[in-house]
Amino acid sequence: MSDTPPDRLAVNPTSPFYNEAILERGIGIRFKGVEKTNVEEYCVSEGWVRLSAGKTLDRAGNPMTVKLKGPVEPYFRDAAEGGSASA
């Protein structure tokens, strides 16, 4: 597996951008330099993230999301933890 996160990734299994192997490995997102933990989907090349809006759900039972534009920096959590442990 490569050390570069995908350009686009979603946590919803019905999405074409869902990738279970990458999600199990653990991926973190920095949006505008701030760590985000409620990201439902992101796209680096287009520069946006979809964040869940609290615990609200739509009619289909999916989380309500807000789309924000800005610089997106995905990274693998295992690589970040390994780097900080040796420093």
Protein backbone atom coordinates (compact mmCIF):
# COMPACT_ATOMS: atom_id res chain seq x y z
CA MET A 1 0.00 0.00 0.00
CA SER A 2 1.33 3.46 -0.82
CA ASP A 3 2.12 6.11 1.77
CA THR A 4 0.04 8.75 0.00
CA PRO A 5 -3.65 9.05 0.92
CA PRO A 6 -6.14 9.04 -1.97
CA ASP A 7 -7.27 12.27 -3.59
CA ARG A 8 -10.88 11.61 -2.58
CA LEU A 9 -12.30 9.39 0.15
CA ALA A 10 -15.70 8.86 1.80
CA VAL A 11 -16.76 7.00 4.95
CA ASN A 12 -20.20 6.06 3.55
CA PRO A 13 -20.12 2.45 2.19
CA THR A 14 -22.59 3.32 -0.58
CA SER A 15 -20.24 5.96 -2.03
CA PRO A 16 -18.04 5.08 -5.03
CA PHE A 17 -15.13 6.73 -3.14
CA TYR A 18 -15.39 4.39 -0.13
CA ASN A 19 -12.26 2.31 0.57
CA GLU A 20 -12.44 0.03 3.60
CA ALA A 21 -8.73 -0.87 3.63
CA ILE A 22 -7.63 2.76 3.85
CA LEU A 23 -10.21 3.58 6.53
CA GLU A 24 -9.07 0.60 8.63
CA ARG A 25 -5.46 1.80 8.35
CA GLY A 26 -6.56 5.13 9.82
CA ILE A 27 -6.57 8.47 8.07
CA GLY A 28 -6.49 11.96 9.54
CA ILE A 29 -7.56 15.23 7.93
CA ARG A 30 -6.22 18.73 8.44
CA PHE A 31 -8.56 21.36 7.01
CA LYS A 32 -7.18 24.91 6.91
CA GLY A 33 -4.44 23.74 9.29
CA VAL A 34 -6.87 22.41 11.94
CA GLU A 35 -7.34 18.72 12.75
CA LYS A 36 -10.93 17.60 11.95
CA THR A 37 -12.48 14.44 13.36
CA ASN A 38 -15.99 14.71 11.88
CA VAL A 39 -15.10 14.48 8.17
CA GLU A 40 -17.54 12.37 6.13
CA GLU A 41 -15.84 12.92 2.75
CA TYR A 42 -12.98 14.96 1.31
CA CYS A 43 -11.42 15.87 -2.05
CA VAL A 44 -7.89 17.30 -2.15
CA SER A 45 -7.83 18.32 -5.84
CA GLU A 46 -11.13 20.23 -5.60
CA GLY A 47 -10.31 21.60 -2.12
CA TRP A 48 -13.37 20.69 -0.04
CA VAL A 49 -14.53 18.58 2.90
CA ARG A 50 -17.96 17.40 4.02
CA LEU A 51 -18.35 17.62 7.79
CA SER A 52 -21.17 16.03 9.76
CA ALA A 53 -23.44 18.63 11.33
CA GLY A 54 -23.86 17.34 14.87
CA LYS A 55 -26.06 14.29 15.35
CA THR A 56 -28.78 15.36 12.93
CA LEU A 57 -29.91 12.86 10.29
CA ASP A 58 -31.65 13.25 6.94
CA ARG A 59 -34.75 11.30 5.87
CA ALA A 60 -32.65 8.32 4.78
CA GLY A 61 -30.87 8.14 8.15
CA ASN A 62 -27.56 9.54 6.85
CA PRO A 63 -25.78 12.30 8.78
CA MET A 64 -26.50 15.85 7.64
CA THR A 65 -23.34 17.39 6.20
CA VAL A 66 -21.88 20.80 5.50
CA LYS A 67 -19.53 21.29 2.55
CA LEU A 68 -16.62 23.67 3.24
CA LYS A 69 -13.95 24.80 0.79
CA GLY A 70 -10.29 25.28 1.61
CA PRO A 71 -6.94 23.48 1.71
CA VAL A 72 -7.26 19.78 2.65
CA GLU A 73 -4.29 17.77 3.98
CA PRO A 74 -4.96 14.03 4.47
CA TYR A 75 -2.38 11.83 6.21
CA PHE A 76 -2.16 8.29 7.55
CA ARG A 77 -2.37 8.21 11.34
CA ASP A 78 0.05 5.29 11.70
CA ALA A 79 2.76 7.24 9.82
CA ALA A 80 2.15 10.36 11.96
CA GLU A 81 2.29 8.37 15.22
CA GLY A 82 5.42 6.52 14.16
CA GLY A 83 7.18 9.78 13.28
CA SER A 84 6.32 11.50 16.56
CA ALA A 85 7.33 8.49 18.69
CA SER A 86 10.91 8.49 17.38
CA ALA A 87 11.38 12.25 17.78
